[in-house]
Each structure stands twice: as C-alpha cells, then as structure tokens.
Amino acid sequence: MAQIVVTQIKSTIGQKPKARGAIRALGLGKIGRSRVHEDNKVVRGMIHGVRHLVVVKDASDASVKEQ
C-alpha cells in the first residue's frame, strides 16, 4: 500500500480539542515533526480535519527521517 508523509507546519495553540486530538493521533505535536502513515481513508479523514495545520507528501517523493 502507498505511504504518505505528514508534517506539522502550524501550532495547535488556539485550535479546537478535536483538531488537537487529530494531530496527536497522527503522531505529531510539534511544528516540523513528520510521520509516515499508510495512505488509507482513516488517516485521510484525520488529515482532512487538520489540513490547515499539516502538509502531506507522497513517501516515495520525500526522503524523510522520522523524528
């Protein structure tokens, strides 16, 4: 299955609890932190809820080291 890289680009300060929870569930929490996830509907749904806080790239395009 395809993989995607999710990187947090904005802070969760002032965001609703649901958005903060989605960021936590994605394994993020600090600006600049990246995680590799399987590209499926569950992950895409979480990303959709916080699309203003993250950037998504295809894992085959990005050589990202998990922090």
PDB file of N, CA and C in Angstrom:
ATOM      1  N   MET A   1       0.838  -1.185   0.000  1.00  0.00           N
ATOM      2  CA  MET A   1       0.000   0.000   0.000  1.00  0.00           C
ATOM      3  C   MET A   1       0.880   1.244   0.000  1.00  0.00           C
ATOM      4  N   ALA A   2       0.366   2.308  -0.549  1.00  0.00           N
ATOM      5  CA  ALA A   2       1.115   3.558  -0.643  1.00  0.00           C
ATOM      6  C   ALA A   2       1.283   4.188   0.732  1.00  0.00           C
ATOM      7  N   GLN A   3       2.345   4.951   0.866  1.00  0.00           N
ATOM      8  CA  GLN A   3       2.589   5.653   2.122  1.00  0.00           C
ATOM      9  C   GLN A   3       2.662   7.143   1.862  1.00  0.00           C
ATOM     10  N   ILE A   4       2.288   7.914   2.889  1.00  0.00           N
ATOM     11  CA  ILE A   4       2.348   9.368   2.808  1.00  0.00           C
ATOM     12  C   ILE A   4       3.122   9.891   4.009  1.00  0.00           C
ATOM     13  N   VAL A   5       3.712  11.074   3.831  1.00  0.00           N
ATOM     14  CA  VAL A   5       4.446  11.746   4.901  1.00  0.00           C
ATOM     15  C   VAL A   5       3.620  12.951   5.325  1.00  0.00           C
ATOM     16  N   VAL A   6       3.302  13.019   6.608  1.00  0.00           N
ATOM     17  CA  VAL A   6       2.516  14.123   7.160  1.00  0.00           C
ATOM     18  C   VAL A   6       3.444  14.952   8.042  1.00  0.00           C
ATOM     19  N   THR A   7       3.530  16.254   7.761  1.00  0.00           N
ATOM     20  CA  THR A   7       4.395  17.163   8.509  1.00  0.00           C
ATOM     21  C   THR A   7       3.560  18.298   9.082  1.00  0.00           C
ATOM     22  N   GLN A   8       3.721  18.553  10.377  1.00  0.00           N
ATOM     23  CA  GLN A   8       3.001  19.660  11.015  1.00  0.00           C
ATOM     24  C   GLN A   8       3.721  20.960  10.696  1.00  0.00           C
ATOM     25  N   ILE A   9       2.961  21.964  10.224  1.00  0.00           N
ATOM     26  CA  ILE A   9       3.559  23.255   9.861  1.00  0.00           C
ATOM     27  C   ILE A   9       3.041  24.410  10.706  1.00  0.00           C
ATOM     28  N   LYS A  10       1.975  24.188  11.469  1.00  0.00           N
ATOM     29  CA  LYS A  10       1.428  25.241  12.324  1.00  0.00           C
ATOM     30  C   LYS A  10       1.127  24.679  13.711  1.00  0.00           C
ATOM     31  N   SER A  11       1.059  25.573  14.681  1.00  0.00           N
ATOM     32  CA  SER A  11       0.819  25.203  16.066  1.00  0.00           C
ATOM     33  C   SER A  11      -0.648  24.860  16.306  1.00  0.00           C
ATOM     34  N   THR A  12      -0.891  24.063  17.351  1.00  0.00           N
ATOM     35  CA  THR A  12      -2.265  23.733  17.731  1.00  0.00           C
ATOM     36  C   THR A  12      -2.811  24.685  18.793  1.00  0.00           C
ATOM     37  N   ILE A  13      -2.023  25.691  19.176  1.00  0.00           N
ATOM     38  CA  ILE A  13      -2.491  26.666  20.158  1.00  0.00           C
ATOM     39  C   ILE A  13      -3.693  27.402  19.577  1.00  0.00           C
ATOM     40  N   GLY A  14      -4.763  27.436  20.340  1.00  0.00           N
ATOM     41  CA  GLY A  14      -5.977  28.109  19.897  1.00  0.00           C
ATOM     42  C   GLY A  14      -6.878  27.254  19.026  1.00  0.00           C
ATOM     43  N   GLN A  15      -6.485  26.019  18.756  1.00  0.00           N
ATOM     44  CA  GLN A  15      -7.306  25.125  17.942  1.00  0.00           C
ATOM     45  C   GLN A  15      -8.308  24.395  18.830  1.00  0.00           C
ATOM     46  N   LYS A  16      -9.344  23.868  18.202  1.00  0.00           N
ATOM     47  CA  LYS A  16     -10.362  23.126  18.940  1.00  0.00           C
ATOM     48  C   LYS A  16      -9.786  21.783  19.401  1.00  0.00           C
ATOM     49  N   PRO A  17     -10.340  21.246  20.482  1.00  0.00           N
ATOM     50  CA  PRO A  17      -9.834  19.975  21.013  1.00  0.00           C
ATOM     51  C   PRO A  17      -9.846  18.838  19.992  1.00  0.00           C
ATOM     52  N   LYS A  18     -10.811  18.835  19.110  1.00  0.00           N
ATOM     53  CA  LYS A  18     -10.887  17.790  18.090  1.00  0.00           C
ATOM     54  C   LYS A  18      -9.677  17.856  17.158  1.00  0.00           C
ATOM     55  N   ALA A  19      -9.255  19.061  16.788  1.00  0.00           N
ATOM     56  CA  ALA A  19      -8.082  19.228  15.918  1.00  0.00           C
ATOM     57  C   ALA A  19      -6.815  18.835  16.660  1.00  0.00           C
ATOM     58  N   ARG A  20      -6.706  19.204  17.926  1.00  0.00           N
ATOM     59  CA  ARG A  20      -5.529  18.822  18.714  1.00  0.00           C
ATOM     60  C   ARG A  20      -5.445  17.308  18.853  1.00  0.00           C
ATOM     61  N   GLY A  21      -6.596  16.669  19.020  1.00  0.00           N
ATOM     62  CA  GLY A  21      -6.629  15.215  19.124  1.00  0.00           C
ATOM     63  C   GLY A  21      -6.207  14.537  17.834  1.00  0.00           C
ATOM     64  N   ALA A  22      -6.616  15.096  16.709  1.00  0.00           N
ATOM     65  CA  ALA A  22      -6.243  14.526  15.418  1.00  0.00           C
ATOM     66  C   ALA A  22      -4.737  14.652  15.194  1.00  0.00           C
ATOM     67  N   ILE A  23      -4.171  15.773  15.590  1.00  0.00           N
ATOM     68  CA  ILE A  23      -2.714  15.963  15.467  1.00  0.00           C
ATOM     69  C   ILE A  23      -1.989  14.928  16.320  1.00  0.00           C
ATOM     70  N   ARG A  24      -2.477  14.712  17.545  1.00  0.00           N
ATOM     71  CA  ARG A  24      -1.870  13.731  18.436  1.00  0.00           C
ATOM     72  C   ARG A  24      -1.991  12.323  17.853  1.00  0.00           C
ATOM     73  N   ALA A  25      -3.165  11.999  17.300  1.00  0.00           N
ATOM     74  CA  ALA A  25      -3.403  10.667  16.733  1.00  0.00           C
ATOM     75  C   ALA A  25      -2.512  10.409  15.520  1.00  0.00           C
ATOM     76  N   LEU A  26      -2.141  11.476  14.826  1.00  0.00           N
ATOM     77  CA  LEU A  26      -1.238  11.344  13.680  1.00  0.00           C
ATOM     78  C   LEU A  26       0.220  11.225  14.120  1.00  0.00           C
ATOM     79  N   GLY A  27       0.478  11.366  15.410  1.00  0.00           N
ATOM     80  CA  GLY A  27       1.838  11.233  15.921  1.00  0.00           C
ATOM     81  C   GLY A  27       2.639  12.509  15.822  1.00  0.00           C
ATOM     82  N   LEU A  28       1.939  13.621  15.710  1.00  0.00           N
ATOM     83  CA  LEU A  28       2.611  14.916  15.609  1.00  0.00           C
ATOM     84  C   LEU A  28       2.479  15.630  16.946  1.00  0.00           C
ATOM     85  N   GLY A  29       2.716  16.917  16.991  1.00  0.00           N
ATOM     86  CA  GLY A  29       2.586  17.660  18.240  1.00  0.00           C
ATOM     87  C   GLY A  29       3.510  18.852  18.313  1.00  0.00           C
ATOM     88  N   LYS A  30       4.545  18.850  17.489  1.00  0.00           N
ATOM     89  CA  LYS A  30       5.456  19.981  17.431  1.00  0.00           C
ATOM     90  C   LYS A  30       5.628  20.382  15.977  1.00  0.00           C
ATOM     91  N   ILE A  31       5.805  21.654  15.754  1.00  0.00           N
ATOM     92  CA  ILE A  31       5.998  22.159  14.397  1.00  0.00           C
ATOM     93  C   ILE A  31       7.262  21.548  13.810  1.00  0.00           C
ATOM     94  N   GLY A  32       7.141  21.057  12.586  1.00  0.00           N
ATOM     95  CA  GLY A  32       8.283  20.469  11.903  1.00  0.00           C
ATOM     96  C   GLY A  32       8.387  18.968  12.066  1.00  0.00           C
ATOM     97  N   ARG A  33       7.614  18.381  12.944  1.00  0.00           N
ATOM     98  CA  ARG A  33       7.659  16.927  13.155  1.00  0.00           C
ATOM     99  C   ARG A  33       6.926  16.224  12.012  1.00  0.00           C
ATOM    100  N   SER A  34       7.502  15.132  11.529  1.00  0.00           N
ATOM    101  CA  SER A  34       6.927  14.372  10.418  1.00  0.00           C
ATOM    102  C   SER A  34       6.719  12.922  10.812  1.00  0.00           C
ATOM    103  N   ARG A  35       5.716  12.301  10.212  1.00  0.00           N
ATOM    104  CA  ARG A  35       5.433  10.886  10.413  1.00  0.00           C
ATOM    105  C   ARG A  35       5.023  10.272   9.076  1.00  0.00           C
ATOM    106  N   VAL A  36       5.368   9.016   8.908  1.00  0.00           N
ATOM    107  CA  VAL A  36       4.979   8.269   7.714  1.00  0.00           C
ATOM    108  C   VAL A  36       3.780   7.403   8.091  1.00  0.00           C
ATOM    109  N   HIS A  37       2.718   7.472   7.285  1.00  0.00           N
ATOM    110  CA  HIS A  37       1.496   6.703   7.525  1.00  0.00           C
ATOM    111  C   HIS A  37       1.096   5.978   6.252  1.00  0.00           C
ATOM    112  N   GLU A  38       0.345   4.886   6.425  1.00  0.00           N
ATOM    113  CA  GLU A  38      -0.265   4.216   5.291  1.00  0.00           C
ATOM    114  C   GLU A  38      -1.345   5.147   4.741  1.00  0.00           C
ATOM    115  N   ASP A  39      -1.479   5.182   3.428  1.00  0.00           N
ATOM    116  CA  ASP A  39      -2.487   6.034   2.794  1.00  0.00           C
ATOM    117  C   ASP A  39      -3.806   5.276   2.763  1.00  0.00           C
ATOM    118  N   ASN A  40      -4.663   5.562   3.762  1.00  0.00           N
ATOM    119  CA  ASN A  40      -5.987   4.937   3.800  1.00  0.00           C
ATOM    120  C   ASN A  40      -7.025   5.971   4.211  1.00  0.00           C
ATOM    121  N   LYS A  41      -8.281   5.571   4.206  1.00  0.00           N
ATOM    122  CA  LYS A  41      -9.376   6.508   4.471  1.00  0.00           C
ATOM    123  C   LYS A  41      -9.355   7.063   5.891  1.00  0.00           C
ATOM    124  N   VAL A  42      -8.949   6.273   6.846  1.00  0.00           N
ATOM    125  CA  VAL A  42      -8.916   6.727   8.236  1.00  0.00           C
ATOM    126  C   VAL A  42      -7.905   7.858   8.406  1.00  0.00           C
ATOM    127  N   VAL A  43      -6.701   7.656   7.897  1.00  0.00           N
ATOM    128  CA  VAL A  43      -5.653   8.676   8.002  1.00  0.00           C
ATOM    129  C   VAL A  43      -6.039   9.903   7.192  1.00  0.00           C
ATOM    130  N   ARG A  44      -6.574   9.696   5.997  1.00  0.00           N
ATOM    131  CA  ARG A  44      -7.001  10.832   5.169  1.00  0.00           C
ATOM    132  C   ARG A  44      -8.086  11.647   5.857  1.00  0.00           C
ATOM    133  N   GLY A  45      -8.978  10.992   6.605  1.00  0.00           N
ATOM    134  CA  GLY A  45     -10.017  11.710   7.345  1.00  0.00           C
ATOM    135  C   GLY A  45      -9.439  12.583   8.444  1.00  0.00           C
ATOM    136  N   MET A  46      -8.454  12.063   9.164  1.00  0.00           N
ATOM    137  CA  MET A  46      -7.801  12.864  10.205  1.00  0.00           C
ATOM    138  C   MET A  46      -7.067  14.052   9.585  1.00  0.00           C
ATOM    139  N   ILE A  47      -6.399  13.803   8.465  1.00  0.00           N
ATOM    140  CA  ILE A  47      -5.670  14.878   7.784  1.00  0.00           C
ATOM    141  C   ILE A  47      -6.639  15.947   7.302  1.00  0.00           C
ATOM    142  N   HIS A  48      -7.799  15.529   6.810  1.00  0.00           N
ATOM    143  CA  HIS A  48      -8.781  16.492   6.325  1.00  0.00           C
ATOM    144  C   HIS A  48      -9.224  17.443   7.429  1.00  0.00           C
ATOM    145  N   GLY A  49      -9.343  16.933   8.652  1.00  0.00           N
ATOM    146  CA  GLY A  49      -9.760  17.764   9.782  1.00  0.00           C
ATOM    147  C   GLY A  49      -8.724  18.780  10.216  1.00  0.00           C
ATOM    148  N   VAL A  50      -7.456  18.542   9.884  1.00  0.00           N
ATOM    149  CA  VAL A  50      -6.383  19.451  10.286  1.00  0.00           C
ATOM    150  C   VAL A  50      -5.563  19.903   9.080  1.00  0.00           C
ATOM    151  N   ARG A  51      -6.197  19.966   7.922  1.00  0.00           N
ATOM    152  CA  ARG A  51      -5.473  20.291   6.682  1.00  0.00           C
ATOM    153  C   ARG A  51      -4.826  21.668   6.717  1.00  0.00           C
ATOM    154  N   HIS A  52      -5.303  22.555   7.591  1.00  0.00           N
ATOM    155  CA  HIS A  52      -4.708  23.883   7.721  1.00  0.00           C
ATOM    156  C   HIS A  52      -3.459  23.869   8.611  1.00  0.00           C
ATOM    157  N   LEU A  53      -3.179  22.740   9.263  1.00  0.00           N
ATOM    158  CA  LEU A  53      -2.038  22.636  10.175  1.00  0.00           C
ATOM    159  C   LEU A  53      -0.919  21.743   9.646  1.00  0.00           C
ATOM    160  N   VAL A  54      -1.177  20.981   8.580  1.00  0.00           N
ATOM    161  CA  VAL A  54      -0.211  19.997   8.106  1.00  0.00           C
ATOM    162  C   VAL A  54       0.025  20.109   6.594  1.00  0.00           C
ATOM    163  N   VAL A  55       1.129  19.478   6.172  1.00  0.00           N
ATOM    164  CA  VAL A  55       1.453  19.322   4.757  1.00  0.00           C
ATOM    165  C   VAL A  55       1.604  17.825   4.512  1.00  0.00           C
ATOM    166  N   VAL A  56       1.061  17.360   3.386  1.00  0.00           N
ATOM    167  CA  VAL A  56       1.105  15.934   3.068  1.00  0.00           C
ATOM    168  C   VAL A  56       1.891  15.739   1.779  1.00  0.00           C
ATOM    169  N   LYS A  57       2.818  14.782   1.804  1.00  0.00           N
ATOM    170  CA  LYS A  57       3.613  14.441   0.626  1.00  0.00           C
ATOM    171  C   LYS A  57       3.598  12.932   0.438  1.00  0.00           C
ATOM    172  N   ASP A  58       3.834  12.497  -0.778  1.00  0.00           N
ATOM    173  CA  ASP A  58       3.964  11.075  -1.060  1.00  0.00           C
ATOM    174  C   ASP A  58       5.306  10.602  -0.528  1.00  0.00           C
ATOM    175  N   ALA A  59       5.334   9.466   0.142  1.00  0.00           N
ATOM    176  CA  ALA A  59       6.565   8.975   0.769  1.00  0.00           C
ATOM    177  C   ALA A  59       7.628   8.621  -0.262  1.00  0.00           C
ATOM    178  N   SER A  60       7.234   8.248  -1.465  1.00  0.00           N
ATOM    179  CA  SER A  60       8.218   7.910  -2.477  1.00  0.00           C
ATOM    180  C   SER A  60       8.954   9.148  -2.992  1.00  0.00           C
ATOM    181  N   ASP A  61       8.315  10.319  -2.876  1.00  0.00           N
ATOM    182  CA  ASP A  61       8.923  11.574  -3.322  1.00  0.00           C
ATOM    183  C   ASP A  61       9.837  12.181  -2.267  1.00  0.00           C
ATOM    184  N   ALA A  62       9.501  11.956  -1.010  1.00  0.00           N
ATOM    185  CA  ALA A  62      10.233  12.619   0.082  1.00  0.00           C
ATOM    186  C   ALA A  62      11.110  11.615   0.822  1.00  0.00           C
ATOM    187  N   SER A  63      12.327  12.004   1.036  1.00  0.00           N
ATOM    188  CA  SER A  63      13.212  11.190   1.876  1.00  0.00           C
ATOM    189  C   SER A  63      13.213  11.820   3.257  1.00  0.00           C
ATOM    190  N   VAL A  64      12.270  11.390   4.101  1.00  0.00           N
ATOM    191  CA  VAL A  64      12.073  11.995   5.416  1.00  0.00           C
ATOM    192  C   VAL A  64      12.482  10.999   6.484  1.00  0.00           C
ATOM    193  N   LYS A  65      13.280  11.483   7.411  1.00  0.00           N
ATOM    194  CA  LYS A  65      13.667  10.683   8.564  1.00  0.00           C
ATOM    195  C   LYS A  65      12.662  10.967   9.675  1.00  0.00           C
ATOM    196  N   GLU A  66      12.051   9.910  10.230  1.00  0.00           N
ATOM    197  CA  GLU A  66      11.100  10.109  11.320  1.00  0.00           C
ATOM    198  C   GLU A  66      11.829  10.599  12.552  1.00  0.00           C
ATOM    199  N   GLN A  67      11.223  11.551  13.237  1.00  0.00           N
ATOM    200  CA  GLN A  67      11.809  12.131  14.442  1.00  0.00           C
ATOM    201  C   GLN A  67      11.218  11.488  15.663  1.00  0.00           C
TER     202      GLN A  67
END
